[in-house]
Amino acid sequence: ITTADEGEEGTIYDEKHTYTVRVAELVVEDPSHYGVIWAAEEKDDPFAEATWRKANPGLGVSPTLAYLRKEAAKAQVTPSYFPTFCRLHLNRRMRAKVRWLPMPLWDANEGTPSEPRQLRFQPAWGGLDLSAVSDLSAWVLVARSRQRGKELEIIPRFWVPEERCDELAHQLQVPLRDWVNAGLLTLTEGDAIDYAAIEDQILADSRTYRIQRLSYDRMFAGGSLQRIEANPRIGEVVPMSQTYLGMGPAAKETERLLRERAFVHDGNKVLRWNAGCVEVIRDGNDNMRPVKPKRDESSARIDGIAALVMAVDGYLRRKAIKDEALSA
């Protein structure tokens, strides 16, 4: 029994908290694990007594209302104390990074995706997030949907090296083997990611969808995109900066599409896990960007969502070009 920490990854608290959340959100099935987190949500008014009760089931006895009112008054006039108040009395992990996508919002966009033949030759945009050597890699397409009221259908692909699968599953606390058996995750031979296998999938997808733009994180792409760049069925192949300027507009568009229920996804468990992990950092000027966790320290991965945002960037740029043409 304890209150929230300062959001440091890799601690014992972080491991227990993360695992409890994953069990609660049905990412991991473990009927032997029981956990309860009494906490206020980010959207709650931190100075409302109803909020205090969310995090303090014994409010009125322990702590007393008089004590919590005194602490809240201090937090209101002392900005430096506000994070401490939220951490100790509202049980919120306080740091610059905040969780981005609530699971109910993500799950609300789950539906029945169209069959590939129904989307054949539909315009599509792709995002590619490759791991350095031996971790999760993601290729995510968004294709224009023919379903009423929907804009884009999400088509995710994931890979990990076969010889690293069990070690990664232990580190990340997720059932990678189960996802492999369910066809949600592909194993590549050896202990390092096989970029050629990912290229093969992208080229195969280009025979089904009209890929207008492929955006990628240049950090780990290296020279692995030569065959893709030479393929006439794929439009622009461009690196995308992982900064506020590079990721911000597409992240906002991704959030808009989710809130308007304009996406269609099939509930892919790997992508859902990534959605639950992703955090954003804001610069105070209404700009935000997803923050990639430290792979050697964290049990979180956001590769699928990073790839989704990069795919949406291509879609957003298409809309901007179209709007410019109409206004000319």
C-alpha atoms as a PDB file:
ATOM      1  CA  ILE A   1       0.000   0.000   0.000  1.00  0.00           C
ATOM      2  CA  THR A   2       1.556   3.283  -1.078  1.00  0.00           C
ATOM      3  CA  THR A   3       0.956   6.563  -2.850  1.00  0.00           C
ATOM      4  CA  ALA A   4       2.095   7.391  -6.369  1.00  0.00           C
ATOM      5  CA  ASP A   5       5.717   8.093  -7.188  1.00  0.00           C
ATOM      6  CA  GLU A   6       7.229  10.754  -9.415  1.00  0.00           C
ATOM      7  CA  GLY A   7       6.795   8.664 -12.540  1.00  0.00           C
ATOM      8  CA  GLU A   8      10.263   7.158 -12.609  1.00  0.00           C
ATOM      9  CA  GLU A   9      10.450   4.121 -14.887  1.00  0.00           C
ATOM     10  CA  GLY A  10      12.073   0.834 -13.942  1.00  0.00           C
ATOM     11  CA  THR A  11      11.448   1.048 -10.183  1.00  0.00           C
ATOM     12  CA  ILE A  12       9.698  -1.666  -8.160  1.00  0.00           C
ATOM     13  CA  TYR A  13       6.714   0.680  -7.827  1.00  0.00           C
ATOM     14  CA  ASP A  14       6.629   1.219 -11.593  1.00  0.00           C
ATOM     15  CA  GLU A  15       6.696  -2.531 -12.252  1.00  0.00           C
ATOM     16  CA  LYS A  16       3.861  -3.270  -9.810  1.00  0.00           C
ATOM     17  CA  HIS A  17       1.778  -0.294 -10.933  1.00  0.00           C
ATOM     18  CA  THR A  18       2.262  -1.036 -14.642  1.00  0.00           C
ATOM     19  CA  TYR A  19       1.391  -4.698 -14.210  1.00  0.00           C
ATOM     20  CA  THR A  20      -1.723  -3.865 -12.186  1.00  0.00           C
ATOM     21  CA  VAL A  21      -2.918  -1.431 -14.866  1.00  0.00           C
ATOM     22  CA  ARG A  22      -2.319  -3.998 -17.614  1.00  0.00           C
ATOM     23  CA  VAL A  23      -4.330  -6.610 -15.754  1.00  0.00           C
ATOM     24  CA  ALA A  24      -7.127  -4.095 -15.177  1.00  0.00           C
ATOM     25  CA  GLU A  25      -7.169  -3.102 -18.848  1.00  0.00           C
ATOM     26  CA  LEU A  26      -7.188  -6.764 -19.970  1.00  0.00           C
ATOM     27  CA  VAL A  27      -3.846  -6.488 -21.772  1.00  0.00           C
ATOM     28  CA  VAL A  28      -2.622  -9.294 -19.487  1.00  0.00           C
ATOM     29  CA  GLU A  29      -4.852 -12.047 -18.126  1.00  0.00           C
ATOM     30  CA  ASP A  30      -3.812 -12.972 -14.585  1.00  0.00           C
ATOM     31  CA  PRO A  31      -6.615 -13.990 -12.211  1.00  0.00           C
ATOM     32  CA  SER A  32      -4.062 -14.498  -9.430  1.00  0.00           C
ATOM     33  CA  HIS A  33      -3.179 -10.780  -9.369  1.00  0.00           C
ATOM     34  CA  TYR A  34      -5.412  -8.407  -7.437  1.00  0.00           C
ATOM     35  CA  GLY A  35      -4.775  -4.681  -7.329  1.00  0.00           C
ATOM     36  CA  VAL A  36      -6.774  -1.546  -6.585  1.00  0.00           C
ATOM     37  CA  ILE A  37      -5.689   1.973  -7.501  1.00  0.00           C
ATOM     38  CA  TRP A  38      -7.606   4.760  -5.772  1.00  0.00           C
ATOM     39  CA  ALA A  39      -6.708   7.865  -7.752  1.00  0.00           C
ATOM     40  CA  ALA A  40      -8.024  11.044  -9.298  1.00  0.00           C
ATOM     41  CA  GLU A  41      -7.998  11.358 -13.063  1.00  0.00           C
ATOM     42  CA  GLU A  42      -6.145  14.074 -14.941  1.00  0.00           C
ATOM     43  CA  LYS A  43      -9.417  15.662 -16.077  1.00  0.00           C
ATOM     44  CA  ASP A  44     -10.732  15.975 -12.489  1.00  0.00           C
ATOM     45  CA  ASP A  45     -10.705  19.279 -10.606  1.00  0.00           C
ATOM     46  CA  PRO A  46      -7.868  18.741  -8.097  1.00  0.00           C
ATOM     47  CA  PHE A  47      -9.488  21.117  -5.589  1.00  0.00           C
ATOM     48  CA  ALA A  48     -12.965  19.582  -5.566  1.00  0.00           C
ATOM     49  CA  GLU A  49     -13.890  17.417  -2.580  1.00  0.00           C
ATOM     50  CA  ALA A  50     -15.492  14.878  -4.935  1.00  0.00           C
ATOM     51  CA  THR A  51     -12.061  14.434  -6.527  1.00  0.00           C
ATOM     52  CA  TRP A  52     -10.393  13.964  -3.156  1.00  0.00           C
ATOM     53  CA  ARG A  53     -12.843  11.177  -2.341  1.00  0.00           C
ATOM     54  CA  LYS A  54     -11.768   9.243  -5.473  1.00  0.00           C
ATOM     55  CA  ALA A  55      -8.255   8.929  -4.093  1.00  0.00           C
ATOM     56  CA  ASN A  56      -9.109   8.783  -0.387  1.00  0.00           C
ATOM     57  CA  PRO A  57     -11.822   6.214   0.395  1.00  0.00           C
ATOM     58  CA  GLY A  58     -11.423   7.012   4.093  1.00  0.00           C
ATOM     59  CA  LEU A  59     -11.839  10.765   3.631  1.00  0.00           C
ATOM     60  CA  GLY A  60     -13.273  12.349   6.774  1.00  0.00           C
ATOM     61  CA  VAL A  61     -11.531   9.843   9.013  1.00  0.00           C
ATOM     62  CA  SER A  62      -8.109   9.411   7.450  1.00  0.00           C
ATOM     63  CA  PRO A  63      -7.288  11.952   6.218  1.00  0.00           C
ATOM     64  CA  THR A  64      -9.610  14.505   7.786  1.00  0.00           C
ATOM     65  CA  LEU A  65     -11.350  17.077   5.606  1.00  0.00           C
ATOM     66  CA  ALA A  66      -9.709  19.887   7.574  1.00  0.00           C
ATOM     67  CA  TYR A  67      -6.240  18.518   6.815  1.00  0.00           C
ATOM     68  CA  LEU A  68      -6.902  18.046   3.094  1.00  0.00           C
ATOM     69  CA  ARG A  69      -8.458  21.508   2.778  1.00  0.00           C
ATOM     70  CA  LYS A  70      -5.305  22.976   4.322  1.00  0.00           C
ATOM     71  CA  GLU A  71      -3.082  21.023   1.896  1.00  0.00           C
ATOM     72  CA  ALA A  72      -5.211  22.057  -1.095  1.00  0.00           C
ATOM     73  CA  ALA A  73      -5.038  25.712  -0.080  1.00  0.00           C
ATOM     74  CA  LYS A  74      -1.267  25.465   0.052  1.00  0.00           C
ATOM     75  CA  ALA A  75      -1.145  23.843  -3.409  1.00  0.00           C
ATOM     76  CA  GLN A  76      -3.326  26.608  -4.865  1.00  0.00           C
ATOM     77  CA  VAL A  77      -0.953  29.394  -3.836  1.00  0.00           C
ATOM     78  CA  THR A  78       2.336  27.490  -4.110  1.00  0.00           C
ATOM     79  CA  PRO A  79       2.867  26.150  -7.680  1.00  0.00           C
ATOM     80  CA  SER A  80       5.924  24.143  -6.666  1.00  0.00           C
ATOM     81  CA  TYR A  81       3.828  22.234  -4.116  1.00  0.00           C
ATOM     82  CA  PHE A  82       1.041  21.391  -6.553  1.00  0.00           C
ATOM     83  CA  PRO A  83       2.741  18.247  -7.990  1.00  0.00           C
ATOM     84  CA  THR A  84       3.392  17.012  -4.442  1.00  0.00           C
ATOM     85  CA  PHE A  85      -0.248  17.575  -3.492  1.00  0.00           C
ATOM     86  CA  CYS A  86      -1.396  15.632  -6.564  1.00  0.00           C
ATOM     87  CA  ARG A  87       1.026  12.810  -5.872  1.00  0.00           C
ATOM     88  CA  LEU A  88       0.444  12.381  -2.144  1.00  0.00           C
ATOM     89  CA  HIS A  89      -3.248  13.248  -1.872  1.00  0.00           C
ATOM     90  CA  LEU A  90      -4.704  12.471  -5.310  1.00  0.00           C
ATOM     91  CA  ASN A  91      -2.426   9.475  -6.011  1.00  0.00           C
ATOM     92  CA  ARG A  92      -1.380  10.818  -9.405  1.00  0.00           C
ATOM     93  CA  ARG A  93       2.070  10.101 -10.853  1.00  0.00           C
ATOM     94  CA  MET A  94       3.291  13.611 -11.551  1.00  0.00           C
ATOM     95  CA  ARG A  95       5.850  14.442 -14.205  1.00  0.00           C
ATOM     96  CA  ALA A  96       6.164  16.405 -17.429  1.00  0.00           C
ATOM     97  CA  LYS A  97       4.978  13.455 -19.505  1.00  0.00           C
ATOM     98  CA  VAL A  98       1.306  12.508 -19.338  1.00  0.00           C
ATOM     99  CA  ARG A  99      -0.604   9.525 -20.648  1.00  0.00           C
ATOM    100  CA  TRP A 100      -2.233  10.389 -23.940  1.00  0.00           C
ATOM    101  CA  LEU A 101      -4.946   7.954 -25.032  1.00  0.00           C
ATOM    102  CA  PRO A 102      -7.604   6.715 -22.585  1.00  0.00           C
ATOM    103  CA  MET A 103      -8.503   3.107 -23.318  1.00  0.00           C
ATOM    104  CA  PRO A 104     -12.264   3.839 -23.578  1.00  0.00           C
ATOM    105  CA  LEU A 105     -11.496   6.346 -26.338  1.00  0.00           C
ATOM    106  CA  TRP A 106      -9.301   3.852 -28.177  1.00  0.00           C
ATOM    107  CA  ASP A 107     -11.797   1.020 -27.764  1.00  0.00           C
ATOM    108  CA  ALA A 108     -14.651   3.214 -29.015  1.00  0.00           C
ATOM    109  CA  ASN A 109     -13.026   3.172 -32.475  1.00  0.00           C
ATOM    110  CA  GLU A 110     -12.976  -0.613 -32.648  1.00  0.00           C
ATOM    111  CA  GLY A 111     -15.165  -2.027 -35.380  1.00  0.00           C
ATOM    112  CA  THR A 112     -15.249  -4.476 -38.241  1.00  0.00           C
ATOM    113  CA  PRO A 113     -12.497  -3.546 -40.701  1.00  0.00           C
ATOM    114  CA  SER A 114     -13.078  -3.980 -44.398  1.00  0.00           C
ATOM    115  CA  GLU A 115     -11.561  -6.965 -46.137  1.00  0.00           C
ATOM    116  CA  PRO A 116      -8.373  -6.159 -48.101  1.00  0.00           C
ATOM    117  CA  ARG A 117     -10.245  -6.788 -51.354  1.00  0.00           C
ATOM    118  CA  GLN A 118     -12.792  -4.122 -50.340  1.00  0.00           C
ATOM    119  CA  LEU A 119      -9.973  -1.607 -49.882  1.00  0.00           C
ATOM    120  CA  ARG A 120      -8.085  -2.673 -52.990  1.00  0.00           C
ATOM    121  CA  PHE A 121      -6.443   0.315 -54.664  1.00  0.00           C
ATOM    122  CA  GLN A 122      -7.794   2.683 -52.024  1.00  0.00           C
ATOM    123  CA  PRO A 123      -5.446   5.587 -51.183  1.00  0.00           C
ATOM    124  CA  ALA A 124      -3.362   4.782 -48.127  1.00  0.00           C
ATOM    125  CA  TRP A 125      -0.600   6.363 -46.073  1.00  0.00           C
ATOM    126  CA  GLY A 126       2.022   4.511 -44.056  1.00  0.00           C
ATOM    127  CA  GLY A 127       4.219   5.034 -41.015  1.00  0.00           C
ATOM    128  CA  LEU A 128       7.315   2.964 -40.276  1.00  0.00           C
ATOM    129  CA  ASP A 129       8.965   2.740 -36.867  1.00  0.00           C
ATOM    130  CA  LEU A 130      11.936   0.368 -36.888  1.00  0.00           C
ATOM    131  CA  SER A 131      13.751  -0.853 -33.810  1.00  0.00           C
ATOM    132  CA  ALA A 132      17.501  -0.413 -33.479  1.00  0.00           C
ATOM    133  CA  VAL A 133      18.465  -4.090 -33.535  1.00  0.00           C
ATOM    134  CA  SER A 134      16.400  -6.480 -31.473  1.00  0.00           C
ATOM    135  CA  ASP A 135      13.121  -4.972 -30.348  1.00  0.00           C
ATOM    136  CA  LEU A 136       9.572  -4.302 -31.563  1.00  0.00           C
ATOM    137  CA  SER A 137       9.186  -2.798 -35.032  1.00  0.00           C
ATOM    138  CA  ALA A 138       5.940  -1.483 -36.513  1.00  0.00           C
ATOM    139  CA  TRP A 139       4.512  -0.699 -39.943  1.00  0.00           C
ATOM    140  CA  VAL A 140       1.059   0.887 -39.850  1.00  0.00           C
ATOM    141  CA  LEU A 141      -1.133   1.820 -42.790  1.00  0.00           C
ATOM    142  CA  VAL A 142      -4.184   4.044 -42.748  1.00  0.00           C
ATOM    143  CA  ALA A 143      -6.413   3.492 -45.772  1.00  0.00           C
ATOM    144  CA  ARG A 144      -9.365   5.609 -46.830  1.00  0.00           C
ATOM    145  CA  SER A 145     -12.484   3.840 -45.617  1.00  0.00           C
ATOM    146  CA  ARG A 146     -15.597   3.122 -47.623  1.00  0.00           C
ATOM    147  CA  GLN A 147     -17.628   2.657 -44.438  1.00  0.00           C
ATOM    148  CA  ARG A 148     -20.220   5.311 -43.703  1.00  0.00           C
ATOM    149  CA  GLY A 149     -19.071   7.877 -41.147  1.00  0.00           C
ATOM    150  CA  LYS A 150     -15.474   6.639 -41.149  1.00  0.00           C
ATOM    151  CA  GLU A 151     -12.411   8.319 -42.622  1.00  0.00           C
ATOM    152  CA  LEU A 152      -9.574   5.852 -42.167  1.00  0.00           C
ATOM    153  CA  GLU A 153      -9.050   2.163 -41.477  1.00  0.00           C
ATOM    154  CA  ILE A 154      -5.965   1.190 -39.485  1.00  0.00           C
ATOM    155  CA  ILE A 155      -3.882  -1.768 -40.707  1.00  0.00           C
ATOM    156  CA  PRO A 156      -1.025  -2.552 -38.271  1.00  0.00           C
ATOM    157  CA  ARG A 157       1.945  -4.948 -38.678  1.00  0.00           C
ATOM    158  CA  PHE A 158       4.474  -5.846 -35.978  1.00  0.00           C
ATOM    159  CA  TRP A 159       7.743  -7.794 -35.805  1.00  0.00           C
ATOM    160  CA  VAL A 160      10.218  -8.979 -33.148  1.00  0.00           C
ATOM    161  CA  PRO A 161      13.305 -11.218 -33.537  1.00  0.00           C
ATOM    162  CA  GLU A 162      12.452 -14.840 -32.728  1.00  0.00           C
ATOM    163  CA  GLU A 163      15.419 -15.439 -30.425  1.00  0.00           C
ATOM    164  CA  ARG A 164      14.549 -12.341 -28.391  1.00  0.00           C
ATOM    165  CA  CYS A 165      10.819 -13.028 -28.064  1.00  0.00           C
ATOM    166  CA  ASP A 166      10.765 -14.686 -24.627  1.00  0.00           C
ATOM    167  CA  GLU A 167      13.303 -12.296 -23.139  1.00  0.00           C
ATOM    168  CA  LEU A 168      11.318  -9.315 -24.412  1.00  0.00           C
ATOM    169  CA  ALA A 169       8.052 -10.794 -23.136  1.00  0.00           C
ATOM    170  CA  HIS A 170       9.580 -10.988 -19.646  1.00  0.00           C
ATOM    171  CA  GLN A 171      10.998  -7.474 -19.842  1.00  0.00           C
ATOM    172  CA  LEU A 172       7.833  -5.902 -21.242  1.00  0.00           C
ATOM    173  CA  GLN A 173       5.365  -7.957 -19.153  1.00  0.00           C
ATOM    174  CA  VAL A 174       3.176  -8.755 -22.158  1.00  0.00           C
ATOM    175  CA  PRO A 175       2.262 -12.113 -23.796  1.00  0.00           C
ATOM    176  CA  LEU A 176       4.261 -11.850 -27.018  1.00  0.00           C
ATOM    177  CA  ARG A 177       4.016 -15.596 -27.785  1.00  0.00           C
ATOM    178  CA  ASP A 178       0.232 -15.479 -27.501  1.00  0.00           C
ATOM    179  CA  TRP A 179       0.164 -12.567 -29.924  1.00  0.00           C
ATOM    180  CA  VAL A 180       2.416 -14.465 -32.331  1.00  0.00           C
ATOM    181  CA  ASN A 181       0.068 -17.481 -32.184  1.00  0.00           C
ATOM    182  CA  ALA A 182      -2.899 -15.173 -32.822  1.00  0.00           C
ATOM    183  CA  GLY A 183      -1.248 -13.780 -35.958  1.00  0.00           C
ATOM    184  CA  LEU A 184      -0.837 -10.294 -34.515  1.00  0.00           C
ATOM    185  CA  LEU A 185       2.951 -10.344 -34.360  1.00  0.00           C
ATOM    186  CA  THR A 186       5.528 -11.813 -36.754  1.00  0.00           C
ATOM    187  CA  LEU A 187       8.789 -13.392 -35.659  1.00  0.00           C
ATOM    188  CA  THR A 188      11.867 -12.844 -37.802  1.00  0.00           C
ATOM    189  CA  GLU A 189      14.790 -15.272 -37.790  1.00  0.00           C
ATOM    190  CA  GLY A 190      17.725 -14.712 -35.454  1.00  0.00           C
ATOM    191  CA  ASP A 191      18.279 -12.310 -32.585  1.00  0.00           C
ATOM    192  CA  ALA A 192      18.165  -9.103 -34.653  1.00  0.00           C
ATOM    193  CA  ILE A 193      15.291  -7.638 -36.582  1.00  0.00           C
ATOM    194  CA  ASP A 194      15.168  -8.671 -40.248  1.00  0.00           C
ATOM    195  CA  TYR A 195      14.605  -5.435 -42.138  1.00  0.00           C
ATOM    196  CA  ALA A 196      14.223  -7.358 -45.406  1.00  0.00           C
ATOM    197  CA  ALA A 197      11.123  -9.137 -44.044  1.00  0.00           C
ATOM    198  CA  ILE A 198       9.574  -5.778 -43.199  1.00  0.00           C
ATOM    199  CA  GLU A 199      10.415  -4.444 -46.658  1.00  0.00           C
ATOM    200  CA  ASP A 200       8.751  -7.504 -48.204  1.00  0.00           C
ATOM    201  CA  GLN A 201       5.540  -6.781 -46.304  1.00  0.00           C
ATOM    202  CA  ILE A 202       5.536  -3.118 -47.331  1.00  0.00           C
ATOM    203  CA  LEU A 203       6.048  -4.084 -50.964  1.00  0.00           C
ATOM    204  CA  ALA A 204       3.244  -6.654 -50.677  1.00  0.00           C
ATOM    205  CA  ASP A 205       0.932  -3.993 -49.231  1.00  0.00           C
ATOM    206  CA  SER A 206       1.765  -1.699 -52.141  1.00  0.00           C
ATOM    207  CA  ARG A 207       0.125  -4.249 -54.449  1.00  0.00           C
ATOM    208  CA  THR A 208      -3.136  -3.944 -52.503  1.00  0.00           C
ATOM    209  CA  TYR A 209      -3.264  -0.282 -51.495  1.00  0.00           C
ATOM    210  CA  ARG A 210      -2.228   2.873 -53.333  1.00  0.00           C
ATOM    211  CA  ILE A 211       0.382   4.059 -50.851  1.00  0.00           C
ATOM    212  CA  GLN A 212       0.625   7.816 -51.322  1.00  0.00           C
ATOM    213  CA  ARG A 213       3.296   8.506 -48.756  1.00  0.00           C
ATOM    214  CA  LEU A 214       5.510   6.523 -46.396  1.00  0.00           C
ATOM    215  CA  SER A 215       6.844   8.446 -43.409  1.00  0.00           C
ATOM    216  CA  TYR A 216       9.547   7.014 -41.191  1.00  0.00           C
ATOM    217  CA  ASP A 217      11.705   7.803 -38.190  1.00  0.00           C
ATOM    218  CA  ARG A 218      15.171   8.246 -39.632  1.00  0.00           C
ATOM    219  CA  MET A 219      16.808   7.225 -36.335  1.00  0.00           C
ATOM    220  CA  PHE A 220      17.002   3.532 -37.187  1.00  0.00           C
ATOM    221  CA  ALA A 221      15.953   3.354 -40.825  1.00  0.00           C
ATOM    222  CA  GLY A 222      19.480   3.657 -42.185  1.00  0.00           C
ATOM    223  CA  GLY A 223      19.784   2.243 -45.690  1.00  0.00           C
ATOM    224  CA  SER A 224      16.973  -0.270 -45.281  1.00  0.00           C
ATOM    225  CA  LEU A 225      14.481   1.577 -47.508  1.00  0.00           C
ATOM    226  CA  GLN A 226      16.275   1.349 -50.849  1.00  0.00           C
ATOM    227  CA  ARG A 227      13.905  -1.198 -52.397  1.00  0.00           C
ATOM    228  CA  ILE A 228      10.907   0.761 -51.148  1.00  0.00           C
ATOM    229  CA  GLU A 229      12.159   4.069 -52.514  1.00  0.00           C
ATOM    230  CA  ALA A 230      12.754   2.429 -55.889  1.00  0.00           C
ATOM    231  CA  ASN A 231       9.247   0.961 -56.060  1.00  0.00           C
ATOM    232  CA  PRO A 232       7.009   2.922 -58.478  1.00  0.00           C
ATOM    233  CA  ARG A 233       3.853   1.797 -56.633  1.00  0.00           C
ATOM    234  CA  ILE A 234       4.852   3.795 -53.553  1.00  0.00           C
ATOM    235  CA  GLY A 235       4.650   7.581 -53.589  1.00  0.00           C
ATOM    236  CA  GLU A 236       6.831   9.774 -51.410  1.00  0.00           C
ATOM    237  CA  VAL A 237       9.198   8.112 -48.953  1.00  0.00           C
ATOM    238  CA  VAL A 238      10.216  10.742 -46.438  1.00  0.00           C
ATOM    239  CA  PRO A 239      11.882  10.930 -43.010  1.00  0.00           C
ATOM    240  CA  MET A 240       9.783  12.552 -40.310  1.00  0.00           C
ATOM    241  CA  SER A 241      11.244  14.603 -37.494  1.00  0.00           C
ATOM    242  CA  GLN A 242      10.243  13.344 -34.040  1.00  0.00           C
ATOM    243  CA  THR A 243       9.960  16.906 -32.681  1.00  0.00           C
ATOM    244  CA  TYR A 244       7.000  19.114 -31.739  1.00  0.00           C
ATOM    245  CA  LEU A 245       7.040  20.587 -35.235  1.00  0.00           C
ATOM    246  CA  GLY A 246       7.352  17.188 -36.908  1.00  0.00           C
ATOM    247  CA  MET A 247       4.908  15.133 -34.829  1.00  0.00           C
ATOM    248  CA  GLY A 248       2.601  17.754 -33.312  1.00  0.00           C
ATOM    249  CA  PRO A 249       0.105  18.379 -36.145  1.00  0.00           C
ATOM    250  CA  ALA A 250      -0.320  14.667 -36.893  1.00  0.00           C
ATOM    251  CA  ALA A 251      -0.714  13.827 -33.188  1.00  0.00           C
ATOM    252  CA  LYS A 252      -3.526  16.379 -32.938  1.00  0.00           C
ATOM    253  CA  GLU A 253      -5.156  14.971 -36.080  1.00  0.00           C
ATOM    254  CA  THR A 254      -4.896  11.447 -34.672  1.00  0.00           C
ATOM    255  CA  GLU A 255      -6.643  12.609 -31.505  1.00  0.00           C
ATOM    256  CA  ARG A 256      -9.344  14.341 -33.548  1.00  0.00           C
ATOM    257  CA  LEU A 257     -10.036  11.218 -35.580  1.00  0.00           C
ATOM    258  CA  LEU A 258     -10.286   9.141 -32.410  1.00  0.00           C
ATOM    259  CA  ARG A 259     -12.630  11.576 -30.683  1.00  0.00           C
ATOM    260  CA  GLU A 260     -14.876  11.792 -33.739  1.00  0.00           C
ATOM    261  CA  ARG A 261     -14.924   7.978 -34.037  1.00  0.00           C
ATOM    262  CA  ALA A 262     -13.559   8.396 -37.566  1.00  0.00           C
ATOM    263  CA  PHE A 263     -11.080   5.502 -37.338  1.00  0.00           C
ATOM    264  CA  VAL A 264     -11.800   1.803 -37.780  1.00  0.00           C
ATOM    265  CA  HIS A 265      -9.492  -0.712 -36.116  1.00  0.00           C
ATOM    266  CA  ASP A 266      -9.974  -4.364 -35.232  1.00  0.00           C
ATOM    267  CA  GLY A 267      -8.828  -4.163 -31.607  1.00  0.00           C
ATOM    268  CA  ASN A 268      -5.355  -5.526 -32.420  1.00  0.00           C
ATOM    269  CA  LYS A 269      -3.925  -6.304 -28.961  1.00  0.00           C
ATOM    270  CA  VAL A 270      -0.380  -5.220 -29.782  1.00  0.00           C
ATOM    271  CA  LEU A 271      -1.535  -1.830 -31.044  1.00  0.00           C
ATOM    272  CA  ARG A 272      -3.910  -1.489 -28.088  1.00  0.00           C
ATOM    273  CA  TRP A 273      -1.035  -2.168 -25.695  1.00  0.00           C
ATOM    274  CA  ASN A 274       1.010   0.539 -27.445  1.00  0.00           C
ATOM    275  CA  ALA A 275      -1.937   2.940 -27.212  1.00  0.00           C
ATOM    276  CA  GLY A 276      -2.130   2.330 -23.464  1.00  0.00           C
ATOM    277  CA  CYS A 277       1.599   3.000 -23.058  1.00  0.00           C
ATOM    278  CA  VAL A 278       1.988   6.172 -25.085  1.00  0.00           C
ATOM    279  CA  GLU A 279       2.692   9.416 -23.265  1.00  0.00           C
ATOM    280  CA  VAL A 280       2.978  12.911 -24.659  1.00  0.00           C
ATOM    281  CA  ILE A 281       4.866  15.965 -23.547  1.00  0.00           C
ATOM    282  CA  ARG A 282       3.543  19.471 -24.143  1.00  0.00           C
ATOM    283  CA  ASP A 283       5.539  22.652 -24.608  1.00  0.00           C
ATOM    284  CA  GLY A 284       3.068  25.134 -23.096  1.00  0.00           C
ATOM    285  CA  ASN A 285       2.014  26.479 -26.511  1.00  0.00           C
ATOM    286  CA  ASP A 286      -0.607  23.830 -27.299  1.00  0.00           C
ATOM    287  CA  ASN A 287       2.013  21.677 -29.035  1.00  0.00           C
ATOM    288  CA  MET A 288       2.572  18.045 -28.109  1.00  0.00           C
ATOM    289  CA  ARG A 289       4.523  15.037 -29.255  1.00  0.00           C
ATOM    290  CA  PRO A 290       4.633  11.361 -28.248  1.00  0.00           C
ATOM    291  CA  VAL A 291       7.632  10.482 -26.088  1.00  0.00           C
ATOM    292  CA  LYS A 292       9.485   7.264 -26.806  1.00  0.00           C
ATOM    293  CA  PRO A 293      10.390   5.308 -23.650  1.00  0.00           C
ATOM    294  CA  LYS A 294      13.947   4.235 -22.931  1.00  0.00           C
ATOM    295  CA  ARG A 295      14.077   0.733 -24.376  1.00  0.00           C
ATOM    296  CA  ASP A 296      16.679  -0.593 -21.955  1.00  0.00           C
ATOM    297  CA  GLU A 297      14.804   0.639 -18.860  1.00  0.00           C
ATOM    298  CA  SER A 298      11.097   0.748 -19.659  1.00  0.00           C
ATOM    299  CA  SER A 299       8.446  -1.935 -20.051  1.00  0.00           C
ATOM    300  CA  ALA A 300       6.439   0.384 -22.330  1.00  0.00           C
ATOM    301  CA  ARG A 301       6.503   0.432 -26.118  1.00  0.00           C
ATOM    302  CA  ILE A 302       4.732   2.894 -28.417  1.00  0.00           C
ATOM    303  CA  ASP A 303       6.069   1.839 -31.838  1.00  0.00           C
ATOM    304  CA  GLY A 304       2.623   1.115 -33.282  1.00  0.00           C
ATOM    305  CA  ILE A 305       1.195   4.471 -32.212  1.00  0.00           C
ATOM    306  CA  ALA A 306       4.315   6.330 -33.393  1.00  0.00           C
ATOM    307  CA  ALA A 307       3.891   4.628 -36.776  1.00  0.00           C
ATOM    308  CA  LEU A 308       0.168   5.490 -36.759  1.00  0.00           C
ATOM    309  CA  VAL A 309       0.896   9.175 -36.124  1.00  0.00           C
ATOM    310  CA  MET A 310       3.439   9.171 -38.958  1.00  0.00           C
ATOM    311  CA  ALA A 311       0.878   7.550 -41.255  1.00  0.00           C
ATOM    312  CA  VAL A 312      -1.724  10.165 -40.285  1.00  0.00           C
ATOM    313  CA  ASP A 313       0.861  12.860 -41.084  1.00  0.00           C
ATOM    314  CA  GLY A 314       0.771  11.759 -44.728  1.00  0.00           C
ATOM    315  CA  TYR A 315      -3.026  11.858 -44.696  1.00  0.00           C
ATOM    316  CA  LEU A 316      -3.002  15.304 -43.100  1.00  0.00           C
ATOM    317  CA  ARG A 317      -0.556  16.634 -45.682  1.00  0.00           C
ATOM    318  CA  ARG A 318      -2.818  15.336 -48.449  1.00  0.00           C
ATOM    319  CA  LYS A 319      -5.694  17.310 -46.954  1.00  0.00           C
ATOM    320  CA  ALA A 320      -3.546  20.433 -46.699  1.00  0.00           C
ATOM    321  CA  ILE A 321      -2.466  20.166 -50.349  1.00  0.00           C
ATOM    322  CA  LYS A 322      -6.099  19.653 -51.415  1.00  0.00           C
ATOM    323  CA  ASP A 323      -7.246  22.693 -49.424  1.00  0.00           C
ATOM    324  CA  GLU A 324      -4.503  24.829 -50.979  1.00  0.00           C
ATOM    325  CA  ALA A 325      -5.562  23.723 -54.476  1.00  0.00           C
ATOM    326  CA  LEU A 326      -9.221  24.576 -53.779  1.00  0.00           C
ATOM    327  CA  SER A 327      -8.351  28.049 -52.486  1.00  0.00           C
ATOM    328  CA  ALA A 328      -6.022  28.838 -55.409  1.00  0.00           C
END
